[in-house]
Structure formats: structure tokens, C-alpha cells
C-alpha atoms as a PDB file:
ATOM      1  CA  MET A   1      -9.774  28.353  -4.856  1.00  0.00           C
ATOM      2  CA  TYR A   2      -7.793  25.209  -5.346  1.00  0.00           C
ATOM      3  CA  GLY A   3      -6.234  24.451  -8.692  1.00  0.00           C
ATOM      4  CA  PRO A   4      -6.188  21.083 -10.468  1.00  0.00           C
ATOM      5  CA  VAL A   5      -4.221  18.262  -8.876  1.00  0.00           C
ATOM      6  CA  THR A   6      -0.873  17.778 -10.544  1.00  0.00           C
ATOM      7  CA  GLY A   7       0.611  14.416 -11.408  1.00  0.00           C
ATOM      8  CA  GLU A   8       3.315  14.900  -8.778  1.00  0.00           C
ATOM      9  CA  GLU A   9       0.689  15.637  -6.107  1.00  0.00           C
ATOM     10  CA  ARG A  10      -1.285  12.574  -7.116  1.00  0.00           C
ATOM     11  CA  VAL A  11       1.793  10.358  -6.852  1.00  0.00           C
ATOM     12  CA  ALA A  12       2.657  11.853  -3.453  1.00  0.00           C
ATOM     13  CA  GLU A  13      -0.874  11.130  -2.207  1.00  0.00           C
ATOM     14  CA  GLU A  14      -0.689   7.547  -3.479  1.00  0.00           C
ATOM     15  CA  ARG A  15       2.611   7.093  -1.639  1.00  0.00           C
ATOM     16  CA  ARG A  16       1.137   8.517   1.565  1.00  0.00           C
ATOM     17  CA  LEU A  17      -1.872   6.202   1.368  1.00  0.00           C
ATOM     18  CA  HIS A  18       0.390   3.229   0.641  1.00  0.00           C
ATOM     19  CA  TYR A  19       2.288   3.812   3.879  1.00  0.00           C
ATOM     20  CA  GLU A  20      -0.877   4.598   5.856  1.00  0.00           C
ATOM     21  CA  ARG A  21      -2.470   1.353   4.678  1.00  0.00           C
ATOM     22  CA  TRP A  22       0.563  -0.577   5.944  1.00  0.00           C
ATOM     23  CA  GLN A  23       0.542   1.369   9.227  1.00  0.00           C
ATOM     24  CA  TRP A  24      -3.126   0.491   9.805  1.00  0.00           C
ATOM     25  CA  GLY A  25      -2.700  -3.229   9.187  1.00  0.00           C
ATOM     26  CA  GLY A  26      -3.411  -3.468   5.472  1.00  0.00           C
ATOM     27  CA  ARG A  27      -6.445  -1.178   5.152  1.00  0.00           C
ATOM     28  CA  LEU A  28      -7.136   2.509   5.481  1.00  0.00           C
ATOM     29  CA  PRO A  29      -8.771   3.833   8.663  1.00  0.00           C
ATOM     30  CA  SER A  30     -12.349   5.042   8.738  1.00  0.00           C
ATOM     31  CA  GLU A  31     -13.065   8.720   9.210  1.00  0.00           C
ATOM     32  CA  ARG A  32     -14.121   7.933  12.778  1.00  0.00           C
ATOM     33  CA  LEU A  33     -10.702   6.486  13.528  1.00  0.00           C
ATOM     34  CA  ARG A  34      -8.916   9.321  11.736  1.00  0.00           C
ATOM     35  CA  GLY A  35     -10.820  11.789  13.875  1.00  0.00           C
ATOM     36  CA  VAL A  36      -9.787  10.370  17.258  1.00  0.00           C
ATOM     37  CA  SER A  37      -7.061  12.761  18.325  1.00  0.00           C
ATOM     38  CA  GLY A  38      -4.951  12.446  21.421  1.00  0.00           C
ATOM     39  CA  SER A  39      -5.597   8.726  21.788  1.00  0.00           C
ATOM     40  CA  ASN A  40      -3.289   5.714  21.894  1.00  0.00           C
ATOM     41  CA  VAL A  41      -4.739   4.308  18.675  1.00  0.00           C
ATOM     42  CA  LEU A  42      -1.369   4.084  16.886  1.00  0.00           C
ATOM     43  CA  GLY A  43       0.112   2.151  19.788  1.00  0.00           C
ATOM     44  CA  LEU A  44      -2.837  -0.221  19.903  1.00  0.00           C
ATOM     45  CA  LEU A  45      -2.475  -0.810  16.159  1.00  0.00           C
ATOM     46  CA  THR A  46       0.876  -2.483  16.745  1.00  0.00           C
ATOM     47  CA  PHE A  47      -0.795  -5.093  18.953  1.00  0.00           C
ATOM     48  CA  ASP A  48      -4.041  -5.777  17.068  1.00  0.00           C
ATOM     49  CA  SER A  49      -4.991  -3.704  14.023  1.00  0.00           C
ATOM     50  CA  ASP A  50      -8.121  -5.787  13.356  1.00  0.00           C
ATOM     51  CA  LEU A  51      -9.443  -4.940  16.819  1.00  0.00           C
ATOM     52  CA  VAL A  52      -8.804  -1.237  16.228  1.00  0.00           C
ATOM     53  CA  HIS A  53     -10.854  -1.335  13.020  1.00  0.00           C
ATOM     54  CA  ALA A  54     -13.569  -3.322  14.788  1.00  0.00           C
ATOM     55  CA  LEU A  55     -13.769  -0.733  17.579  1.00  0.00           C
ATOM     56  CA  GLY A  56     -14.050   2.014  14.992  1.00  0.00           C
ATOM     57  CA  ALA A  57     -16.956   0.255  13.285  1.00  0.00           C
ATOM     58  CA  VAL A  58     -19.233  -0.566  16.232  1.00  0.00           C
ATOM     59  CA  GLU A  59     -21.787   1.776  17.751  1.00  0.00           C
ATOM     60  CA  ALA A  60     -20.966   4.137  20.608  1.00  0.00           C
ATOM     61  CA  GLU A  61     -22.917   1.939  23.039  1.00  0.00           C
ATOM     62  CA  VAL A  62     -20.659  -1.005  22.241  1.00  0.00           C
ATOM     63  CA  GLN A  63     -17.548   1.167  22.507  1.00  0.00           C
ATOM     64  CA  ARG A  64     -18.699   2.270  25.940  1.00  0.00           C
ATOM     65  CA  SER A  65     -19.224  -1.373  26.963  1.00  0.00           C
ATOM     66  CA  VAL A  66     -15.717  -2.199  25.771  1.00  0.00           C
ATOM     67  CA  ALA A  67     -14.257   0.679  27.779  1.00  0.00           C
ATOM     68  CA  LEU A  68     -16.059  -0.494  30.924  1.00  0.00           C
ATOM     69  CA  LEU A  69     -14.981  -4.105  30.424  1.00  0.00           C
ATOM     70  CA  ALA A  70     -11.371  -3.078  29.845  1.00  0.00           C
ATOM     71  CA  ALA A  71     -11.319  -0.938  32.991  1.00  0.00           C
ATOM     72  CA  ARG A  72     -12.879  -3.708  35.068  1.00  0.00           C
ATOM     73  CA  ARG A  73     -10.538  -6.398  33.744  1.00  0.00           C
ATOM     74  CA  ALA A  74      -7.533  -4.155  34.335  1.00  0.00           C
ATOM     75  CA  CYS A  75      -8.522  -3.638  37.970  1.00  0.00           C
ATOM     76  CA  GLU A  76      -9.201  -7.354  38.420  1.00  0.00           C
ATOM     77  CA  SER A  77      -5.801  -8.222  36.976  1.00  0.00           C
ATOM     78  CA  ALA A  78      -4.131  -5.698  39.286  1.00  0.00           C
ATOM     79  CA  GLY A  79      -5.989  -6.915  42.379  1.00  0.00           C
ATOM     80  CA  LEU A  80      -7.824  -3.611  42.867  1.00  0.00           C
ATOM     81  CA  THR A  81     -11.500  -4.553  42.680  1.00  0.00           C
ATOM     82  CA  ALA A  82     -11.695  -5.134  46.452  1.00  0.00           C
ATOM     83  CA  VAL A  83     -10.227  -1.693  47.180  1.00  0.00           C
ATOM     84  CA  PRO A  84     -13.249   0.454  48.213  1.00  0.00           C
ATOM     85  CA  TRP A  85     -12.317   3.657  46.348  1.00  0.00           C
ATOM     86  CA  VAL A  86     -11.574   1.705  43.151  1.00  0.00           C
ATOM     87  CA  ALA A  87     -14.806  -0.313  43.456  1.00  0.00           C
ATOM     88  CA  LYS A  88     -16.769   2.950  43.766  1.00  0.00           C
ATOM     89  CA  ALA A  89     -15.186   4.234  40.566  1.00  0.00           C
ATOM     90  CA  LEU A  90     -16.068   1.065  38.645  1.00  0.00           C
ATOM     91  CA  THR A  91     -19.657   1.327  39.893  1.00  0.00           C
ATOM     92  CA  ALA A  92     -19.805   4.954  38.786  1.00  0.00           C
ATOM     93  CA  LEU A  93     -18.554   3.956  35.329  1.00  0.00           C
ATOM     94  CA  ALA A  94     -21.177   1.225  35.027  1.00  0.00           C
ATOM     95  CA  GLU A  95     -23.938   3.645  36.015  1.00  0.00           C
ATOM     96  CA  GLY A  96     -22.729   6.419  33.721  1.00  0.00           C
ATOM     97  CA  HIS A  97     -21.787   8.786  36.529  1.00  0.00           C
ATOM     98  CA  ARG A  98     -18.736  10.989  36.992  1.00  0.00           C
ATOM     99  CA  LEU A  99     -15.761   9.313  38.618  1.00  0.00           C
ATOM    100  CA  PRO A 100     -15.637   9.952  42.373  1.00  0.00           C
ATOM    101  CA  PRO A 101     -12.579  11.177  44.281  1.00  0.00           C
ATOM    102  CA  PRO A 102      -9.689  10.545  44.089  1.00  0.00           C
ATOM    103  CA  PHE A 103     -10.125   9.950  40.339  1.00  0.00           C
ATOM    104  CA  ASP A 104     -11.054  13.600  39.822  1.00  0.00           C
ATOM    105  CA  ASP A 105      -7.471  14.619  40.557  1.00  0.00           C
ATOM    106  CA  GLU A 106      -4.579  12.656  39.067  1.00  0.00           C
ATOM    107  CA  ALA A 107      -2.032  13.645  41.707  1.00  0.00           C
ATOM    108  CA  ARG A 108      -4.414  12.687  44.507  1.00  0.00           C
ATOM    109  CA  MET A 109      -5.233   9.409  42.729  1.00  0.00           C
ATOM    110  CA  TRP A 110      -1.567   8.382  42.737  1.00  0.00           C
ATOM    111  CA  GLN A 111      -1.114   9.554  46.296  1.00  0.00           C
ATOM    112  CA  THR A 112      -4.111   7.462  47.366  1.00  0.00           C
ATOM    113  CA  LEU A 113      -2.663   4.436  45.606  1.00  0.00           C
ATOM    114  CA  ARG A 114       0.658   4.894  47.395  1.00  0.00           C
ATOM    115  CA  SER A 115      -1.099   5.028  50.768  1.00  0.00           C
ATOM    116  CA  THR A 116      -3.320   1.998  50.093  1.00  0.00           C
ATOM    117  CA  PRO A 117      -1.924  -1.316  51.394  1.00  0.00           C
ATOM    118  CA  LEU A 118      -2.047  -3.923  48.639  1.00  0.00           C
ATOM    119  CA  ALA A 119      -1.167  -7.585  48.724  1.00  0.00           C
ATOM    120  CA  PRO A 120       1.793  -8.416  46.475  1.00  0.00           C
ATOM    121  CA  GLY A 121       0.587  -9.451  43.058  1.00  0.00           C
ATOM    122  CA  PRO A 122       2.045 -11.976  40.625  1.00  0.00           C
ATOM    123  CA  SER A 123       5.230 -11.224  38.724  1.00  0.00           C
ATOM    124  CA  VAL A 124       4.162  -9.996  35.299  1.00  0.00           C
ATOM    125  CA  ARG A 125       6.389  -8.767  32.509  1.00  0.00           C
ATOM    126  CA  GLY A 126       5.472  -5.928  30.209  1.00  0.00           C
ATOM    127  CA  ALA A 127       3.530  -6.395  26.987  1.00  0.00           C
ATOM    128  CA  MET A 128       5.405  -6.796  23.718  1.00  0.00           C
ATOM    129  CA  PRO A 129       3.595  -6.394  20.383  1.00  0.00           C
ATOM    130  CA  PRO A 130       3.924  -9.198  17.842  1.00  0.00           C
ATOM    131  CA  GLU A 131       6.551  -8.801  15.161  1.00  0.00           C
ATOM    132  CA  ARG A 132       5.323  -7.447  11.863  1.00  0.00           C
ATOM    133  CA  PRO A 133       6.950  -7.308   8.431  1.00  0.00           C
ATOM    134  CA  PRO A 134       8.832  -4.068   7.747  1.00  0.00           C
ATOM    135  CA  TYR A 135       7.460  -1.434   5.434  1.00  0.00           C
ATOM    136  CA  PHE A 136       8.466  -1.502   1.769  1.00  0.00           C
ATOM    137  CA  PRO A 137       7.619   1.385  -0.567  1.00  0.00           C
ATOM    138  CA  PRO A 138       5.610   0.619  -3.720  1.00  0.00           C
ATOM    139  CA  THR A 139       7.483  -0.742  -6.712  1.00  0.00           C
ATOM    140  CA  PRO A 140       6.935  -0.588 -10.467  1.00  0.00           C
ATOM    141  CA  ALA A 141       5.058  -3.464 -12.057  1.00  0.00           C
ATOM    142  CA  GLY A 142       7.340  -6.444 -12.516  1.00  0.00           C
ATOM    143  CA  TRP A 143       9.773  -5.424  -9.789  1.00  0.00           C
ATOM    144  CA  ALA A 144      10.194  -6.316  -6.101  1.00  0.00           C
ATOM    145  CA  TRP A 145      12.413  -5.428  -3.135  1.00  0.00           C
ATOM    146  CA  VAL A 146      14.927  -8.221  -2.493  1.00  0.00           C
ATOM    147  CA  LEU A 147      17.542  -8.648   0.230  1.00  0.00           C
ATOM    148  CA  ALA A 148      20.810  -7.359  -1.201  1.00  0.00           C
ATOM    149  CA  ALA A 149      23.172  -8.806   1.381  1.00  0.00           C
ATOM    150  CA  GLU A 150      23.323 -10.321   4.828  1.00  0.00           C
ATOM    151  CA  PRO A 151      22.907  -7.837   7.682  1.00  0.00           C
ATOM    152  CA  GLY A 152      26.099  -5.969   8.488  1.00  0.00           C
ATOM    153  CA  ASP A 153      27.714  -5.510  11.862  1.00  0.00           C
ATOM    154  CA  ASP A 154      25.147  -2.850  12.708  1.00  0.00           C
ATOM    155  CA  GLY A 155      22.287  -5.267  11.996  1.00  0.00           C
ATOM    156  CA  ALA A 156      20.821  -3.104   9.228  1.00  0.00           C
ATOM    157  CA  ARG A 157      19.176  -4.912   6.325  1.00  0.00           C
ATOM    158  CA  HIS A 158      19.819  -3.664   2.805  1.00  0.00           C
ATOM    159  CA  TYR A 159      17.420  -4.229  -0.079  1.00  0.00           C
ATOM    160  CA  GLU A 160      17.476  -3.425  -3.751  1.00  0.00           C
ATOM    161  CA  LEU A 161      14.962  -3.551  -6.546  1.00  0.00           C
ATOM    162  CA  GLY A 162      15.076  -6.838  -8.377  1.00  0.00           C
ATOM    163  CA  ARG A 163      13.386  -7.179 -11.737  1.00  0.00           C
ATOM    164  CA  LEU A 164      11.072 -10.146 -12.016  1.00  0.00           C
ATOM    165  CA  PRO A 165      11.279 -12.302 -15.162  1.00  0.00           C
ATOM    166  CA  GLY A 166       9.892 -10.226 -18.023  1.00  0.00           C
ATOM    167  CA  GLY A 167       9.580  -7.090 -15.866  1.00  0.00           C
ATOM    168  CA  PRO A 168      10.030  -3.654 -17.495  1.00  0.00           C
ATOM    169  CA  ALA A 169      12.901  -1.327 -16.662  1.00  0.00           C
ATOM    170  CA  PRO A 170      12.117   1.159 -13.836  1.00  0.00           C
ATOM    171  CA  VAL A 171      11.807   4.869 -14.513  1.00  0.00           C
ATOM    172  CA  VAL A 172      14.505   6.861 -12.731  1.00  0.00           C
ATOM    173  CA  SER A 173      14.546  10.656 -12.816  1.00  0.00           C
ATOM    174  CA  ASP A 174      17.101  12.873 -11.036  1.00  0.00           C
ATOM    175  CA  GLY A 175      18.319   9.889  -9.029  1.00  0.00           C
ATOM    176  CA  LYS A 176      14.869   9.037  -7.666  1.00  0.00           C
ATOM    177  CA  LEU A 177      12.777   6.020  -8.523  1.00  0.00           C
ATOM    178  CA  SER A 178       9.387   7.331  -9.583  1.00  0.00           C
ATOM    179  CA  ALA A 179       7.449   4.482  -7.927  1.00  0.00           C
ATOM    180  CA  ALA A 180       9.357   4.462  -4.626  1.00  0.00           C
ATOM    181  CA  ALA A 181       8.109   6.357  -1.593  1.00  0.00           C
ATOM    182  CA  ALA A 182      11.364   8.243  -1.167  1.00  0.00           C
ATOM    183  CA  ASP A 183       9.739  11.379   0.223  1.00  0.00           C
ATOM    184  CA  ILE A 184       7.234   9.938   2.735  1.00  0.00           C
ATOM    185  CA  ARG A 185       7.768  11.558   6.096  1.00  0.00           C
ATOM    186  CA  HIS A 186       8.055   9.454   9.236  1.00  0.00           C
ATOM    187  CA  VAL A 187       8.800   6.269   7.248  1.00  0.00           C
ATOM    188  CA  PRO A 188      11.541   4.377   9.160  1.00  0.00           C
ATOM    189  CA  VAL A 189      13.494   3.415   6.048  1.00  0.00           C
ATOM    190  CA  SER A 190      16.066   5.086   3.849  1.00  0.00           C
ATOM    191  CA  VAL A 191      15.323   4.975   0.120  1.00  0.00           C
ATOM    192  CA  THR A 192      17.665   6.138  -2.650  1.00  0.00           C
ATOM    193  CA  ALA A 193      16.996   5.385  -6.322  1.00  0.00           C
ATOM    194  CA  MET A 194      16.856   1.583  -6.328  1.00  0.00           C
ATOM    195  CA  ALA A 195      18.180   0.756  -2.819  1.00  0.00           C
ATOM    196  CA  LEU A 196      16.519   0.634   0.594  1.00  0.00           C
ATOM    197  CA  THR A 197      17.864   0.189   4.120  1.00  0.00           C
ATOM    198  CA  HIS A 198      15.978  -0.941   7.219  1.00  0.00           C
ATOM    199  CA  PRO A 199      17.995   0.134  10.268  1.00  0.00           C
ATOM    200  CA  ALA A 200      18.523  -2.454  12.972  1.00  0.00           C
ATOM    201  CA  SER A 201      16.075  -2.309  15.857  1.00  0.00           C
ATOM    202  CA  THR A 202      17.325  -2.540  19.411  1.00  0.00           C
ATOM    203  CA  PRO A 203      15.994  -5.713  21.052  1.00  0.00           C
ATOM    204  CA  HIS A 204      13.743  -4.886  23.975  1.00  0.00           C
ATOM    205  CA  VAL A 205      13.196  -7.309  26.820  1.00  0.00           C
ATOM    206  CA  PRO A 206      10.253  -6.180  28.961  1.00  0.00           C
ATOM    207  CA  GLY A 207      10.838  -6.056  32.684  1.00  0.00           C
ATOM    208  CA  LEU A 208       8.434  -6.663  35.539  1.00  0.00           C
ATOM    209  CA  ILE A 209       5.596  -4.153  35.833  1.00  0.00           C
ATOM    210  CA  SER A 210       3.472  -2.658  38.583  1.00  0.00           C
ATOM    211  CA  GLN A 211      -0.011  -3.606  37.429  1.00  0.00           C
ATOM    212  CA  PRO A 212      -1.928  -1.080  39.608  1.00  0.00           C
ATOM    213  CA  HIS A 213      -0.071   1.770  37.919  1.00  0.00           C
ATOM    214  CA  PHE A 214      -1.420   0.663  34.538  1.00  0.00           C
ATOM    215  CA  ALA A 215      -4.889  -0.239  35.794  1.00  0.00           C
ATOM    216  CA  LEU A 216      -5.900   3.140  37.216  1.00  0.00           C
ATOM    217  CA  PRO A 217      -5.358   4.978  33.899  1.00  0.00           C
ATOM    218  CA  ALA A 218      -7.703   2.407  32.308  1.00  0.00           C
ATOM    219  CA  VAL A 219     -10.414   3.600  34.710  1.00  0.00           C
ATOM    220  CA  THR A 220      -9.909   7.270  33.919  1.00  0.00           C
ATOM    221  CA  ALA A 221      -9.711   6.503  30.190  1.00  0.00           C
ATOM    222  CA  ALA A 222     -13.045   4.675  30.310  1.00  0.00           C
ATOM    223  CA  ALA A 223     -14.677   7.869  31.599  1.00  0.00           C
ATOM    224  CA  GLU A 224     -13.643   9.825  28.476  1.00  0.00           C
ATOM    225  CA  PRO A 225     -16.745  11.547  26.952  1.00  0.00           C
ATOM    226  CA  ILE A 226     -15.962  10.363  23.405  1.00  0.00           C
ATOM    227  CA  ALA A 227     -16.936   6.691  23.374  1.00  0.00           C
ATOM    228  CA  LEU A 228     -14.435   5.568  20.715  1.00  0.00           C
ATOM    229  CA  LYS A 229     -11.529   7.289  22.448  1.00  0.00           C
ATOM    230  CA  ALA A 230     -12.665   5.798  25.775  1.00  0.00           C
ATOM    231  CA  ALA A 231     -12.634   2.300  24.264  1.00  0.00           C
ATOM    232  CA  LEU A 232      -9.271   2.654  22.525  1.00  0.00           C
ATOM    233  CA  ASP A 233      -7.484   4.125  25.520  1.00  0.00           C
ATOM    234  CA  ALA A 234      -9.087   1.887  28.148  1.00  0.00           C
ATOM    235  CA  VAL A 235      -8.093  -1.174  26.117  1.00  0.00           C
ATOM    236  CA  TRP A 236      -4.586   0.267  25.681  1.00  0.00           C
ATOM    237  CA  HIS A 237      -4.060   0.701  29.421  1.00  0.00           C
ATOM    238  CA  ALA A 238      -5.734  -2.608  30.267  1.00  0.00           C
ATOM    239  CA  LEU A 239      -3.500  -4.350  27.723  1.00  0.00           C
ATOM    240  CA  HIS A 240      -0.439  -3.039  29.520  1.00  0.00           C
ATOM    241  CA  THR A 241      -1.934  -3.998  32.867  1.00  0.00           C
ATOM    242  CA  TYR A 242      -2.149  -7.586  31.631  1.00  0.00           C
ATOM    243  CA  GLY A 243       1.432  -7.299  30.387  1.00  0.00           C
ATOM    244  CA  GLU A 244       2.697 -10.505  28.827  1.00  0.00           C
ATOM    245  CA  HIS A 245      -0.781 -12.032  29.193  1.00  0.00           C
ATOM    246  CA  TYR A 246      -2.475  -9.370  27.057  1.00  0.00           C
ATOM    247  CA  PRO A 247      -3.726 -11.835  24.364  1.00  0.00           C
ATOM    248  CA  ASP A 248      -6.295 -13.112  26.894  1.00  0.00           C
ATOM    249  CA  LEU A 249      -7.738  -9.617  27.250  1.00  0.00           C
ATOM    250  CA  LEU A 250      -7.802  -8.860  23.533  1.00  0.00           C
ATOM    251  CA  GLU A 251      -9.557 -12.149  22.808  1.00  0.00           C
ATOM    252  CA  GLU A 252     -12.327 -11.213  25.244  1.00  0.00           C
ATOM    253  CA  ILE A 253     -12.615  -7.702  23.777  1.00  0.00           C
ATOM    254  CA  ARG A 254     -12.843  -9.089  20.241  1.00  0.00           C
ATOM    255  CA  SER A 255     -15.520 -11.530  21.346  1.00  0.00           C
ATOM    256  CA  LEU A 256     -17.568  -8.737  22.920  1.00  0.00           C
ATOM    257  CA  CYS A 257     -17.330  -6.597  19.777  1.00  0.00           C
ATOM    258  CA  ALA A 258     -18.391  -9.484  17.544  1.00  0.00           C
ATOM    259  CA  GLN A 259     -21.253 -10.437  19.861  1.00  0.00           C
ATOM    260  CA  ARG A 260     -22.598  -6.901  20.233  1.00  0.00           C
ATOM    261  CA  ALA A 261     -22.118  -6.058  16.548  1.00  0.00           C
ATOM    262  CA  GLY A 262     -24.308  -9.034  15.618  1.00  0.00           C
ATOM    263  CA  THR A 263     -27.222  -8.059  17.849  1.00  0.00           C
END
């Protein structure tokens, strides 16, 4: 039997939800989204959190349509739709059948791809998610995190709590600010009392990609029995098949969700 929730437990839960809300684009995930294990949902969130929430809200039939569209668009982008064994798989997906060989064996699928002559495709660079503001733990009323100094040689940014005009003094106990999320796990910041550091991120310049190697996983993902997982993962792989042109794909997926949700 569980005992009453303590004040410390309540504060810890509020801190956890504060970070989770930021992680999911400003709102908490639905139970359906929370329950999708083993998917690429967290990766997809970094590209388009609104689309993730939209996919979690539509019916399974719409999710299945999204998965099929993503798989088809990925294969079109990679120049695979005219390849007979890929075309058969897309037809099987559309008709709700099991994927035919070689998609029933991952090693054989890749071997078949290697032995299939393909015309050289366009040069496409990998997908990069849009920049997003860093995470800041909650603050007491009347206070805010402000940049303490210019980034140092290591590129890290240092912040401190600044009291707004008329703001009350913060409550500090045992060197910890009561309203700061100092104990949240997996938060990529360092928080001590009234200071916070965001480590520098290493700039990443995407290189050229092999689109067929991203497209085939979109096909297998679309065959996943759980419709929401199929949609999330098929879109994830299709997004990376499009590479730097991924906004075109996501716009079409959003349009389909909005259209089908309104019918």
C-alpha cells in the first residue's frame, strides 16, 4: 500500500513534468505516445513535435495511411519504386499483406539491395533538425535565468538567476535552489544553487547519404503491427531518406493528418 505523497516527491514530479513538457515541444505526451516503446519518437520530436502529437491523436486507420505514404515517398525519393521487389513490397503494404521476400529477412534485404543495379541518384545531404532553445529549469516567481557571461573558450554558456524588479528572494536549502530542477536525470545542463551551465555542442555538418539505405527501413517500419509505431518510424526513416529536403515530406504528412482528421 502506498503512503501519502510527500512534499519532496511532489516537487520532484513537478520538475520531471517540467522537463518532459519541454522535451515534447511544450506539452505533455498523450498516454498513446507514452506507450509506444522501441520507436524513434524522441528523434522525430526534434524535427517536428507538433506532427508527433498529431500522429498520436489520429485514428489507427490514419496512422496506417501515414505509414504507407511515408514508405512510398521514401522509395520514390530513393529511386526504388521501379525496382520489382520493392514495388511488390509497397503493393503488399497497400493491400494489408505481409511483406514478401526479401523483406522478411533483414540480411537478405540488404544483400538484395547490394546486388540490384541502381541508377545514380542526386546528391543529398543528411537531415538536420531545426535549432531549438535550450532547456532551463523552473525558477521561483519573480526570477529568471540570464546569461552570466560571454561563452568561454570551450563554448559553454553560463547562466545565473536574476531577480526581476520587485521579485522575492529565492529559497536556498543545503546549497540547492528549491525551484530549480537540479536532480532531473538526463537533463543536459549542470545546475548548482543559482547557476546553470549549458555545455557547448559540437557543430555537425551532414554529409552525403545513400537514400536507398534509409528508404528500405521505412518499408519495414510501415509493416509494424502497431499502427502508431508504424507511422512514427516510417516517417522517421522517410525523413532521413529525404535528407536535407525533409520539410517537403513533413508538410505532406501534416496535410494528410489534418485532412483525414477532419473527415
